[in-house]
Amino acid sequence: MVDFMIEHEGIASERLKAVGYGSSQLKNTENPMAAENRRTEFEVIQ
């Protein structure tokens, strides 16, 4: 997603940071393969 935003949206790479949490922060802990666990979240900081 970061590469897409840099290449297609023109956002400077130094303004983005990707963090992967793997299985440590599941939305649905009862079903690790649930769709809601496969997501991208953005935090906007001004």
PDB file of N, CA and C in Angstrom:
ATOM      1  N   MET A   1       0.821  -1.184   0.000  1.00  0.00           N
ATOM      2  CA  MET A   1       0.000   0.000   0.000  1.00  0.00           C
ATOM      3  C   MET A   1       0.870   1.254   0.000  1.00  0.00           C
ATOM      4  N   VAL A   2       1.973   1.230   0.756  1.00  0.00           N
ATOM      5  CA  VAL A   2       2.858   2.393   0.788  1.00  0.00           C
ATOM      6  C   VAL A   2       3.404   2.666  -0.603  1.00  0.00           C
ATOM      7  N   ASP A   3       3.856   1.620  -1.301  1.00  0.00           N
ATOM      8  CA  ASP A   3       4.384   1.803  -2.665  1.00  0.00           C
ATOM      9  C   ASP A   3       3.334   2.411  -3.582  1.00  0.00           C
ATOM     10  N   PHE A   4       2.101   1.957  -3.481  1.00  0.00           N
ATOM     11  CA  PHE A   4       1.024   2.496  -4.301  1.00  0.00           C
ATOM     12  C   PHE A   4       0.836   3.987  -4.025  1.00  0.00           C
ATOM     13  N   MET A   5       0.820   4.363  -2.764  1.00  0.00           N
ATOM     14  CA  MET A   5       0.589   5.767  -2.410  1.00  0.00           C
ATOM     15  C   MET A   5       1.742   6.665  -2.875  1.00  0.00           C
ATOM     16  N   ILE A   6       2.952   6.126  -2.855  1.00  0.00           N
ATOM     17  CA  ILE A   6       4.098   6.890  -3.345  1.00  0.00           C
ATOM     18  C   ILE A   6       4.033   7.038  -4.857  1.00  0.00           C
ATOM     19  N   GLU A   7       3.827   5.929  -5.555  1.00  0.00           N
ATOM     20  CA  GLU A   7       3.862   5.914  -7.018  1.00  0.00           C
ATOM     21  C   GLU A   7       2.644   6.552  -7.677  1.00  0.00           C
ATOM     22  N   HIS A   8       1.458   6.319  -7.136  1.00  0.00           N
ATOM     23  CA  HIS A   8       0.234   6.753  -7.804  1.00  0.00           C
ATOM     24  C   HIS A   8      -0.403   7.999  -7.199  1.00  0.00           C
ATOM     25  N   GLU A   9      -0.119   8.267  -5.951  1.00  0.00           N
ATOM     26  CA  GLU A   9      -0.729   9.417  -5.290  1.00  0.00           C
ATOM     27  C   GLU A   9       0.260  10.550  -5.068  1.00  0.00           C
ATOM     28  N   GLY A  10       1.544  10.285  -5.315  1.00  0.00           N
ATOM     29  CA  GLY A  10       2.555  11.332  -5.209  1.00  0.00           C
ATOM     30  C   GLY A  10       2.900  11.746  -3.785  1.00  0.00           C
ATOM     31  N   ILE A  11       2.652  10.876  -2.829  1.00  0.00           N
ATOM     32  CA  ILE A  11       2.983  11.191  -1.442  1.00  0.00           C
ATOM     33  C   ILE A  11       4.464  10.872  -1.221  1.00  0.00           C
ATOM     34  N   ALA A  12       5.182  11.774  -0.590  1.00  0.00           N
ATOM     35  CA  ALA A  12       6.613  11.585  -0.345  1.00  0.00           C
ATOM     36  C   ALA A  12       6.831  10.396   0.591  1.00  0.00           C
ATOM     37  N   SER A  13       7.802   9.573   0.266  1.00  0.00           N
ATOM     38  CA  SER A  13       8.049   8.354   1.041  1.00  0.00           C
ATOM     39  C   SER A  13       8.384   8.637   2.502  1.00  0.00           C
ATOM     40  N   GLU A  14       9.033   9.762   2.782  1.00  0.00           N
ATOM     41  CA  GLU A  14       9.378  10.074   4.169  1.00  0.00           C
ATOM     42  C   GLU A  14       8.156  10.438   5.017  1.00  0.00           C
ATOM     43  N   ARG A  15       7.009  10.612   4.378  1.00  0.00           N
ATOM     44  CA  ARG A  15       5.779  10.924   5.105  1.00  0.00           C
ATOM     45  C   ARG A  15       4.967   9.685   5.455  1.00  0.00           C
ATOM     46  N   LEU A  16       5.431   8.505   5.017  1.00  0.00           N
ATOM     47  CA  LEU A  16       4.681   7.267   5.230  1.00  0.00           C
ATOM     48  C   LEU A  16       5.518   6.263   6.005  1.00  0.00           C
ATOM     49  N   LYS A  17       4.827   5.455   6.787  1.00  0.00           N
ATOM     50  CA  LYS A  17       5.496   4.379   7.508  1.00  0.00           C
ATOM     51  C   LYS A  17       4.543   3.185   7.520  1.00  0.00           C
ATOM     52  N   ALA A  18       5.053   2.037   7.134  1.00  0.00           N
ATOM     53  CA  ALA A  18       4.256   0.815   7.161  1.00  0.00           C
ATOM     54  C   ALA A  18       4.663  -0.011   8.375  1.00  0.00           C
ATOM     55  N   VAL A  19       3.660  -0.530   9.086  1.00  0.00           N
ATOM     56  CA  VAL A  19       3.899  -1.367  10.255  1.00  0.00           C
ATOM     57  C   VAL A  19       3.026  -2.602  10.117  1.00  0.00           C
ATOM     58  N   GLY A  20       3.629  -3.769  10.208  1.00  0.00           N
ATOM     59  CA  GLY A  20       2.877  -5.017  10.143  1.00  0.00           C
ATOM     60  C   GLY A  20       2.748  -5.628  11.528  1.00  0.00           C
ATOM     61  N   TYR A  21       1.551  -5.992  11.910  1.00  0.00           N
ATOM     62  CA  TYR A  21       1.329  -6.564  13.229  1.00  0.00           C
ATOM     63  C   TYR A  21       1.056  -8.067  13.184  1.00  0.00           C
ATOM     64  N   GLY A  22       0.911  -8.615  11.987  1.00  0.00           N
ATOM     65  CA  GLY A  22       0.675 -10.047  11.877  1.00  0.00           C
ATOM     66  C   GLY A  22      -0.518 -10.483  12.695  1.00  0.00           C
ATOM     67  N   SER A  23      -0.338 -11.509  13.490  1.00  0.00           N
ATOM     68  CA  SER A  23      -1.457 -12.040  14.282  1.00  0.00           C
ATOM     69  C   SER A  23      -1.558 -11.415  15.668  1.00  0.00           C
ATOM     70  N   SER A  24      -0.768 -10.377  15.946  1.00  0.00           N
ATOM     71  CA  SER A  24      -0.780  -9.812  17.296  1.00  0.00           C
ATOM     72  C   SER A  24      -1.939  -8.854  17.567  1.00  0.00           C
ATOM     73  N   GLN A  25      -2.593  -8.339  16.524  1.00  0.00           N
ATOM     74  CA  GLN A  25      -3.700  -7.395  16.732  1.00  0.00           C
ATOM     75  C   GLN A  25      -4.885  -7.741  15.831  1.00  0.00           C
ATOM     76  N   LEU A  26      -5.448  -8.905  16.046  1.00  0.00           N
ATOM     77  CA  LEU A  26      -6.582  -9.368  15.253  1.00  0.00           C
ATOM     78  C   LEU A  26      -7.861  -8.662  15.675  1.00  0.00           C
ATOM     79  N   LYS A  27      -8.700  -8.339  14.710  1.00  0.00           N
ATOM     80  CA  LYS A  27     -10.032  -7.805  15.013  1.00  0.00           C
ATOM     81  C   LYS A  27     -10.956  -8.940  15.442  1.00  0.00           C
ATOM     82  N   ASN A  28     -10.789 -10.103  14.833  1.00  0.00           N
ATOM     83  CA  ASN A  28     -11.611 -11.275  15.132  1.00  0.00           C
ATOM     84  C   ASN A  28     -10.678 -12.376  15.624  1.00  0.00           C
ATOM     85  N   THR A  29     -10.514 -12.479  16.934  1.00  0.00           N
ATOM     86  CA  THR A  29      -9.578 -13.450  17.501  1.00  0.00           C
ATOM     87  C   THR A  29     -10.093 -14.885  17.425  1.00  0.00           C
ATOM     88  N   GLU A  30     -11.399 -15.063  17.283  1.00  0.00           N
ATOM     89  CA  GLU A  30     -11.959 -16.407  17.209  1.00  0.00           C
ATOM     90  C   GLU A  30     -11.740 -17.042  15.841  1.00  0.00           C
ATOM     91  N   ASN A  31     -11.559 -16.223  14.815  1.00  0.00           N
ATOM     92  CA  ASN A  31     -11.319 -16.737  13.462  1.00  0.00           C
ATOM     93  C   ASN A  31     -10.167 -15.944  12.842  1.00  0.00           C
ATOM     94  N   PRO A  32      -8.941 -16.396  13.031  1.00  0.00           N
ATOM     95  CA  PRO A  32      -7.782 -15.662  12.517  1.00  0.00           C
ATOM     96  C   PRO A  32      -7.793 -15.449  11.003  1.00  0.00           C
ATOM     97  N   MET A  33      -8.535 -16.262  10.265  1.00  0.00           N
ATOM     98  CA  MET A  33      -8.596 -16.125   8.808  1.00  0.00           C
ATOM     99  C   MET A  33      -9.755 -15.236   8.347  1.00  0.00           C
ATOM    100  N   ALA A  34     -10.481 -14.635   9.275  1.00  0.00           N
ATOM    101  CA  ALA A  34     -11.638 -13.798   8.948  1.00  0.00           C
ATOM    102  C   ALA A  34     -11.207 -12.589   8.120  1.00  0.00           C
ATOM    103  N   ALA A  35     -12.095 -12.140   7.252  1.00  0.00           N
ATOM    104  CA  ALA A  35     -11.805 -11.021   6.358  1.00  0.00           C
ATOM    105  C   ALA A  35     -11.421  -9.754   7.111  1.00  0.00           C
ATOM    106  N   GLU A  36     -12.031  -9.508   8.257  1.00  0.00           N
ATOM    107  CA  GLU A  36     -11.730  -8.277   8.991  1.00  0.00           C
ATOM    108  C   GLU A  36     -10.304  -8.258   9.550  1.00  0.00           C
ATOM    109  N   ASN A  37      -9.649  -9.406   9.565  1.00  0.00           N
ATOM    110  CA  ASN A  37      -8.258  -9.449  10.011  1.00  0.00           C
ATOM    111  C   ASN A  37      -7.281  -9.098   8.887  1.00  0.00           C
ATOM    112  N   ARG A  38      -7.739  -9.083   7.669  1.00  0.00           N
ATOM    113  CA  ARG A  38      -6.900  -8.706   6.526  1.00  0.00           C
ATOM    114  C   ARG A  38      -7.276  -7.287   6.146  1.00  0.00           C
ATOM    115  N   ARG A  39      -6.512  -6.341   6.631  1.00  0.00           N
ATOM    116  CA  ARG A  39      -6.911  -4.952   6.463  1.00  0.00           C
ATOM    117  C   ARG A  39      -5.698  -4.029   6.383  1.00  0.00           C
ATOM    118  N   THR A  40      -5.962  -2.842   5.937  1.00  0.00           N
ATOM    119  CA  THR A  40      -4.994  -1.756   5.967  1.00  0.00           C
ATOM    120  C   THR A  40      -5.649  -0.625   6.729  1.00  0.00           C
ATOM    121  N   GLU A  41      -4.952  -0.098   7.701  1.00  0.00           N
ATOM    122  CA  GLU A  41      -5.474   1.027   8.477  1.00  0.00           C
ATOM    123  C   GLU A  41      -4.549   2.208   8.302  1.00  0.00           C
ATOM    124  N   PHE A  42      -5.126   3.390   8.291  1.00  0.00           N
ATOM    125  CA  PHE A  42      -4.369   4.633   8.146  1.00  0.00           C
ATOM    126  C   PHE A  42      -4.610   5.505   9.367  1.00  0.00           C
ATOM    127  N   GLU A  43      -3.549   6.130   9.825  1.00  0.00           N
ATOM    128  CA  GLU A  43      -3.662   7.102  10.906  1.00  0.00           C
ATOM    129  C   GLU A  43      -3.164   8.427  10.343  1.00  0.00           C
ATOM    130  N   VAL A  44      -4.030   9.417  10.330  1.00  0.00           N
ATOM    131  CA  VAL A  44      -3.688  10.729   9.789  1.00  0.00           C
ATOM    132  C   VAL A  44      -3.200  11.609  10.932  1.00  0.00           C
ATOM    133  N   ILE A  45      -1.980  12.106  10.777  1.00  0.00           N
ATOM    134  CA  ILE A  45      -1.378  12.976  11.784  1.00  0.00           C
ATOM    135  C   ILE A  45      -1.139  14.320  11.145  1.00  0.00           C
ATOM    136  N   GLN A  46      -1.611  15.369  11.776  1.00  0.00           N
ATOM    137  CA  GLN A  46      -1.438  16.701  11.192  1.00  0.00           C
ATOM    138  C   GLN A  46      -0.459  17.526  11.990  1.00  0.00           C
TER     139      GLN A  46
END
